[in-house]
């Protein structure tokens, strides 16, 4: 019936309005966190640039010839994959995109006959690979939206120790690069051993880094101490970019959800107005039909009673008058 439909639509509108308030609040929260995440990325960039420059100059001075982190393995047997996902959902395709990159890396390594080890960062990556029955060698959760350098250090130490022990011959990193609030790109890069392009100088005046400093102690000793810090800084930068990308993706997803809720409320309002109009029209028709029926019944009842009394009472009255006139 129209009244029942109207009540149902009213309840749906209230439910959608409540959801809209939640998505709007999450959109505003993510928008505020994007600014902080961008500030952290900008603050960490000078350190990463300077340590890269120093290591590049150390390598140009002849250091690092025997460093495991700088020497590619000839025979690759085991490949590690680090995937940086989020602890929470409601971020559009953010988690699925970076997890897909990690699956591609794992599939490519297994297709070449290599063993694989998976390092899952974020509850979404952990639950995804657990659900599919893949063995997870290390898990790190609870900090993806606001990572610290200590988080990066723990992950890097675990990976580097396995690499130096020979358990891993190569490590790939799957994360999301933050380009802008509107653009985030999932990437798969070589993490260990370090690629020469990562240590190259961007100055176009030379083909590579120049040895500009004299070192005490020797370059090898300094490089041995700096390489782990460099690995940590690279991972920390990737964590910060992933966090910024997560907040940007969640803002876009919540904005789309808020806009969809607004459109749905408009659609339900129109349906409820039509239902209310149909209900009022039906009531008016029922009232008019009832009034017309009562008027018709009143007209029919009045004509019958008048004819009845006229025909029935006329004869006795006329007979009485006739009798009274005939009496002497």
Protein backbone atom coordinates (compact mmCIF):
# COMPACT_ATOMS: atom_id res chain seq x y z
CA UNK A 1 0.00 0.00 0.00
CA UNK A 2 1.24 3.58 -0.55
CA UNK A 3 1.49 4.37 3.17
CA UNK A 4 3.70 1.35 3.82
CA UNK A 5 5.94 2.23 0.89
CA UNK A 6 6.33 5.76 2.19
CA UNK A 7 7.42 4.52 5.62
CA UNK A 8 9.93 2.14 4.05
CA UNK A 9 11.44 4.92 1.93
CA UNK A 10 11.63 7.22 4.94
CA UNK A 11 13.61 4.60 6.88
CA UNK A 12 15.97 4.10 3.93
CA UNK A 13 16.57 7.84 3.65
CA UNK A 14 17.48 8.06 7.34
CA UNK A 15 19.86 5.12 6.97
CA UNK A 16 21.59 6.64 3.93
CA UNK A 17 21.86 10.01 5.70
CA UNK A 18 23.60 8.32 8.65
CA UNK A 19 26.03 6.59 6.29
CA UNK A 20 26.67 9.88 4.52
CA UNK A 21 27.65 11.54 7.80
CA UNK A 22 30.19 8.78 8.45
CA UNK A 23 31.73 8.89 4.98
CA UNK A 24 31.90 12.69 5.09
CA UNK A 25 33.70 12.59 8.43
CA UNK A 26 36.17 9.99 7.13
CA UNK A 27 36.78 12.12 4.05
CA UNK A 28 37.65 15.16 6.17
CA UNK A 29 39.91 13.11 8.46
CA UNK A 30 41.81 11.65 5.51
CA UNK A 31 42.16 15.10 3.95
CA UNK A 32 43.78 16.42 7.13
CA UNK A 33 46.10 13.43 7.40
CA UNK A 34 47.29 13.80 3.80
CA UNK A 35 48.87 17.14 4.69
CA UNK A 36 50.75 15.63 7.63
CA UNK A 37 51.88 12.67 5.52
CA UNK A 38 53.17 15.00 2.81
CA UNK A 39 55.09 16.99 5.41
CA UNK A 40 56.72 13.80 6.68
CA UNK A 41 57.71 12.80 3.13
CA UNK A 42 59.24 16.23 2.54
CA UNK A 43 61.06 16.14 5.89
CA UNK A 44 62.61 12.71 5.20
CA UNK A 45 63.71 13.56 1.66
CA UNK A 46 66.85 15.63 2.53
CA UNK A 47 68.28 12.83 4.68
CA UNK A 48 67.69 10.25 1.94
CA UNK A 49 69.28 12.51 -0.67
CA UNK A 50 72.35 13.22 1.45
CA UNK A 51 73.00 9.63 2.43
CA UNK A 52 72.58 8.60 -1.21
CA UNK A 53 75.14 11.22 -2.24
CA UNK A 54 77.63 10.09 0.40
CA UNK A 55 77.31 6.42 -0.53
CA UNK A 56 77.64 7.31 -4.20
CA UNK A 57 80.89 9.12 -3.50
CA UNK A 58 82.14 6.22 -1.38
CA UNK A 59 81.42 3.83 -4.22
CA UNK A 60 83.23 6.16 -6.64
CA UNK A 61 86.24 6.12 -4.31
CA UNK A 62 86.51 2.38 -4.79
CA UNK A 63 84.67 1.23 -1.69
CA UNK A 64 82.03 -1.47 -1.59
CA UNK A 65 83.58 -3.99 -3.93
CA UNK A 66 82.93 -6.78 -1.45
CA UNK A 67 79.73 -5.48 0.13
CA UNK A 68 76.86 -8.03 -0.13
CA UNK A 69 74.26 -5.26 -0.37
CA UNK A 70 75.95 -3.89 -3.49
CA UNK A 71 76.83 -7.19 -5.18
CA UNK A 72 74.20 -8.97 -7.28
CA UNK A 73 74.09 -12.74 -6.85
CA UNK A 74 74.96 -14.74 -9.94
CA UNK A 75 72.71 -17.66 -9.03
CA UNK A 76 69.40 -16.48 -7.64
CA UNK A 77 67.69 -19.22 -5.65
CA UNK A 78 65.37 -17.43 -3.22
CA UNK A 79 63.52 -14.17 -3.79
CA UNK A 80 61.91 -12.10 -1.06
CA UNK A 81 58.98 -9.78 -1.66
CA UNK A 82 58.01 -6.97 0.71
CA UNK A 83 54.46 -5.69 0.19
CA UNK A 84 53.38 -2.42 1.83
CA UNK A 85 49.59 -2.38 2.20
CA UNK A 86 47.26 -0.78 4.76
CA UNK A 87 45.89 -1.87 8.11
CA UNK A 88 42.39 -0.65 7.20
CA UNK A 89 40.15 -0.77 4.19
CA UNK A 90 37.67 1.75 2.75
CA UNK A 91 40.44 3.11 0.53
CA UNK A 92 39.14 2.22 -2.90
CA UNK A 93 41.56 0.12 -4.92
CA UNK A 94 44.65 1.06 -2.90
CA UNK A 95 45.21 -2.32 -1.22
CA UNK A 96 44.19 -4.47 -4.16
CA UNK A 97 46.53 -2.62 -6.55
CA UNK A 98 49.69 -3.05 -4.45
CA UNK A 99 48.78 -6.64 -3.53
CA UNK A 100 48.42 -7.38 -7.24
CA UNK A 101 51.95 -6.07 -7.79
CA UNK A 102 53.26 -8.38 -5.06
CA UNK A 103 51.42 -11.34 -6.57
CA UNK A 104 53.02 -10.58 -9.92
CA UNK A 105 56.49 -10.57 -8.35
CA UNK A 106 55.84 -13.82 -6.51
CA UNK A 107 54.41 -15.45 -9.62
CA UNK A 108 57.33 -14.33 -11.78
CA UNK A 109 59.89 -15.65 -9.28
CA UNK A 110 58.10 -18.98 -8.92
CA UNK A 111 57.76 -19.21 -12.68
CA UNK A 112 61.55 -18.99 -12.96
CA UNK A 113 61.93 -21.80 -10.45
CA UNK A 114 62.97 -19.63 -7.51
CA UNK A 115 61.83 -20.02 -3.95
CA UNK A 116 59.94 -17.12 -2.44
CA UNK A 117 59.59 -15.46 0.94
CA UNK A 118 56.83 -12.99 1.68
CA UNK A 119 57.08 -10.04 4.08
CA UNK A 120 53.58 -8.66 4.67
CA UNK A 121 53.26 -5.10 5.99
CA UNK A 122 49.67 -4.14 6.86
CA UNK A 123 46.72 -6.21 8.00
CA UNK A 124 45.08 -6.16 4.58
CA UNK A 125 48.08 -7.84 2.93
CA UNK A 126 48.33 -10.27 5.83
CA UNK A 127 44.68 -11.33 5.68
CA UNK A 128 44.71 -11.52 1.87
CA UNK A 129 47.64 -13.91 1.59
CA UNK A 130 46.55 -15.93 4.62
CA UNK A 131 43.14 -16.45 3.07
CA UNK A 132 44.80 -17.80 -0.09
CA UNK A 133 46.97 -20.17 1.87
CA UNK A 134 50.33 -18.57 1.08
CA UNK A 135 53.06 -18.88 3.67
CA UNK A 136 54.04 -15.57 5.25
CA UNK A 137 57.61 -15.41 6.53
CA UNK A 138 57.24 -12.11 8.43
CA UNK A 139 54.38 -9.78 9.30
CA UNK A 140 54.36 -6.17 10.46
CA UNK A 141 51.08 -4.41 11.29
CA UNK A 142 49.60 -1.54 13.26
CA UNK A 143 51.50 1.46 11.88
CA UNK A 144 50.80 1.81 8.16
CA UNK A 145 48.84 5.07 8.41
CA UNK A 146 51.62 6.77 10.42
CA UNK A 147 54.93 4.85 10.15
CA UNK A 148 58.03 5.74 12.13
CA UNK A 149 61.70 5.24 11.36
CA UNK A 150 61.81 2.53 14.01
CA UNK A 151 59.22 0.53 12.06
CA UNK A 152 61.36 0.78 8.93
CA UNK A 153 64.47 -0.21 10.89
CA UNK A 154 62.89 -3.42 12.23
CA UNK A 155 61.70 -4.51 8.80
CA UNK A 156 65.03 -3.65 7.16
CA UNK A 157 67.04 -5.50 9.81
CA UNK A 158 64.98 -8.63 9.31
CA UNK A 159 65.36 -8.54 5.53
CA UNK A 160 69.04 -7.58 5.49
CA UNK A 161 69.97 -10.28 8.01
CA UNK A 162 68.34 -12.94 5.85
CA UNK A 163 70.02 -11.57 2.75
CA UNK A 164 73.48 -11.49 4.32
CA UNK A 165 72.96 -15.00 5.73
CA UNK A 166 72.26 -16.30 2.23
CA UNK A 167 68.59 -17.14 2.82
CA UNK A 168 67.65 -14.56 0.19
CA UNK A 169 69.42 -13.69 -3.04
CA UNK A 170 67.18 -10.83 -4.06
CA UNK A 171 64.46 -8.73 -2.44
CA UNK A 172 61.75 -6.81 -4.28
CA UNK A 173 59.57 -4.09 -2.80
CA UNK A 174 55.93 -3.48 -3.75
CA UNK A 175 54.53 -0.16 -2.55
CA UNK A 176 52.41 2.76 -3.75
CA UNK A 177 54.17 5.88 -4.98
CA UNK A 178 52.52 9.15 -3.98
CA UNK A 179 52.50 11.45 -7.00
CA UNK A 180 49.72 13.81 -5.94
CA UNK A 181 46.42 13.79 -4.11
CA UNK A 182 44.76 12.63 -7.32
CA UNK A 183 47.43 10.18 -8.54
CA UNK A 184 49.00 7.23 -6.71
CA UNK A 185 50.93 4.55 -8.58
CA UNK A 186 51.64 1.00 -7.37
CA UNK A 187 55.29 0.16 -8.00
CA UNK A 188 57.54 -2.88 -7.86
CA UNK A 189 61.25 -2.05 -7.43
CA UNK A 190 64.46 -3.89 -6.62
CA UNK A 191 65.22 -3.36 -2.95
CA UNK A 192 68.29 -5.55 -2.32
CA UNK A 193 70.95 -5.73 -3.70
CA UNK A 194 71.08 -2.01 -4.33
CA UNK A 195 71.04 -1.04 -7.97
CA UNK A 196 73.77 1.29 -9.30
CA UNK A 197 71.09 3.68 -10.62
CA UNK A 198 69.97 4.32 -7.05
CA UNK A 199 73.43 5.57 -6.15
CA UNK A 200 74.09 7.55 -9.33
CA UNK A 201 74.47 11.32 -9.18
CA UNK A 202 71.79 13.32 -11.01
CA UNK A 203 74.34 15.90 -12.19
CA UNK A 204 74.46 15.88 -15.99
CA UNK A 205 78.08 17.06 -16.04
CA UNK A 206 79.39 13.59 -15.28
CA UNK A 207 78.45 10.03 -15.99
CA UNK A 208 78.54 9.02 -12.34
CA UNK A 209 79.46 10.17 -8.85
CA UNK A 210 82.88 11.68 -8.25
CA UNK A 211 85.12 11.04 -5.28
CA UNK A 212 85.00 14.47 -3.64
CA UNK A 213 86.08 13.64 -0.08
CA UNK A 214 88.89 12.12 1.90
CA UNK A 215 87.63 9.61 4.45
CA UNK A 216 88.85 8.62 7.89
CA UNK A 217 88.54 5.75 8.56
CA UNK A 218 88.66 4.21 5.12
CA UNK A 219 85.76 4.26 2.63
CA UNK A 220 85.06 0.56 3.14
CA UNK A 221 84.56 0.92 6.88
CA UNK A 222 82.30 3.95 6.47
CA UNK A 223 80.29 2.28 3.70
CA UNK A 224 79.80 -0.81 5.83
CA UNK A 225 78.20 1.36 8.50
CA UNK A 226 76.17 3.52 6.14
CA UNK A 227 74.67 0.85 3.85
CA UNK A 228 72.24 -0.51 6.49
CA UNK A 229 71.15 3.07 7.25
CA UNK A 230 70.65 3.67 3.56
CA UNK A 231 68.46 0.57 3.25
CA UNK A 232 66.42 1.74 6.24
CA UNK A 233 66.00 5.22 4.77
CA UNK A 234 64.79 3.79 1.46
CA UNK A 235 62.25 1.62 3.21
CA UNK A 236 61.16 4.49 5.45
CA UNK A 237 60.62 6.70 2.41
CA UNK A 238 58.51 3.95 0.81
CA UNK A 239 56.46 3.61 4.00
CA UNK A 240 55.82 7.36 4.10
CA UNK A 241 54.76 7.44 0.46
CA UNK A 242 52.50 4.44 1.02
CA UNK A 243 50.90 6.20 4.02
CA UNK A 244 50.28 9.37 2.02
CA UNK A 245 48.85 7.29 -0.83
CA UNK A 246 46.58 5.44 1.60
CA UNK A 247 45.11 8.68 2.96
CA UNK A 248 44.66 10.12 -0.53
CA UNK A 249 42.96 6.94 -1.78
CA UNK A 250 40.67 6.87 1.26
CA UNK A 251 39.74 10.52 0.77
CA UNK A 252 38.79 9.86 -2.85
CA UNK A 253 36.83 6.75 -1.92
CA UNK A 254 34.93 8.50 0.87
CA UNK A 255 34.20 11.50 -1.32
CA UNK A 256 32.77 9.20 -3.98
CA UNK A 257 30.70 7.42 -1.31
CA UNK A 258 29.41 10.76 0.02
CA UNK A 259 28.45 11.92 -3.48
CA UNK A 260 26.71 8.62 -4.17
CA UNK A 261 24.81 8.91 -0.88
CA UNK A 262 23.69 12.42 -1.85
CA UNK A 263 22.40 11.20 -5.20
CA UNK A 264 20.68 8.23 -3.59
CA UNK A 265 18.94 10.48 -1.07
CA UNK A 266 17.64 12.67 -3.92
CA UNK A 267 16.36 9.60 -5.74
CA UNK A 268 14.66 8.24 -2.62
CA UNK A 269 13.14 11.67 -1.91
CA UNK A 270 11.56 11.70 -5.34
CA UNK A 271 10.22 8.20 -4.84
CA UNK A 272 8.83 9.13 -1.42
CA UNK A 273 7.19 12.26 -2.83
CA UNK A 274 5.56 10.21 -5.55
CA UNK A 275 4.41 7.66 -2.98
CA UNK A 276 3.01 10.45 -0.76
CA UNK A 277 1.27 12.02 -3.76
CA UNK A 278 -0.24 8.68 -4.71
CA UNK A 279 -1.39 8.15 -1.13
CA UNK A 280 -3.01 11.61 -0.93
CA UNK A 281 -4.64 11.18 -4.34
CA UNK A 282 -6.05 7.81 -3.30
CA UNK A 283 -7.43 9.27 -0.06
CA UNK A 284 -9.03 12.19 -1.92
CA UNK A 285 -10.65 9.81 -4.40
CA UNK A 286 -11.92 7.61 -1.57
CA UNK A 287 -13.37 10.63 0.28
CA UNK A 288 -15.00 12.00 -2.86
CA UNK A 289 -16.41 8.59 -3.76
CA UNK A 290 -17.78 8.14 -0.22
CA UNK A 291 -19.38 11.60 -0.23
CA UNK A 292 -20.93 10.94 -3.63
CA UNK A 293 -22.28 7.63 -2.40
CA UNK A 294 -23.82 9.26 0.69
CA UNK A 295 -25.44 12.00 -1.40
CA UNK A 296 -26.86 9.42 -3.77
CA UNK A 297 -28.23 7.38 -0.85
CA UNK A 298 -29.80 10.53 0.65
CA UNK A 299 -31.52 11.45 -2.60
CA UNK A 300 -32.88 7.95 -3.08
CA UNK A 301 -34.13 7.73 0.53
CA UNK A 302 -35.94 11.13 0.36
CA UNK A 303 -37.92 10.31 -2.79
CA UNK A 304 -39.12 6.95 -1.46
CA UNK A 305 -40.36 8.31 1.89
CA UNK A 306 -42.23 11.17 0.22
CA UNK A 307 -44.04 8.88 -2.18
CA UNK A 308 -44.83 6.44 0.63
CA UNK A 309 -46.45 8.96 2.93
CA UNK A 310 -48.34 10.67 0.10
CA UNK A 311 -49.88 7.50 -1.22
CA UNK A 312 -50.52 5.86 2.17
CA UNK A 313 -51.91 8.82 4.12
CA UNK A 314 -53.98 10.37 1.36
CA UNK A 315 -56.73 7.74 1.34
CA UNK A 316 -57.63 7.74 5.08
CA UNK A 317 -57.65 11.53 5.18
CA UNK A 318 -59.86 11.83 2.16
CA UNK A 319 -62.24 9.13 3.45
CA UNK A 320 -62.57 10.86 6.81
CA UNK A 321 -63.46 14.14 5.10
CA UNK A 322 -66.03 12.37 2.99
CA UNK A 323 -67.64 10.75 6.05
CA UNK A 324 -67.79 14.04 7.96
CA UNK A 325 -69.50 15.77 5.09
CA UNK A 326 -72.12 13.05 4.69
CA UNK A 327 -73.12 13.13 8.40
CA UNK A 328 -76.38 15.21 9.02
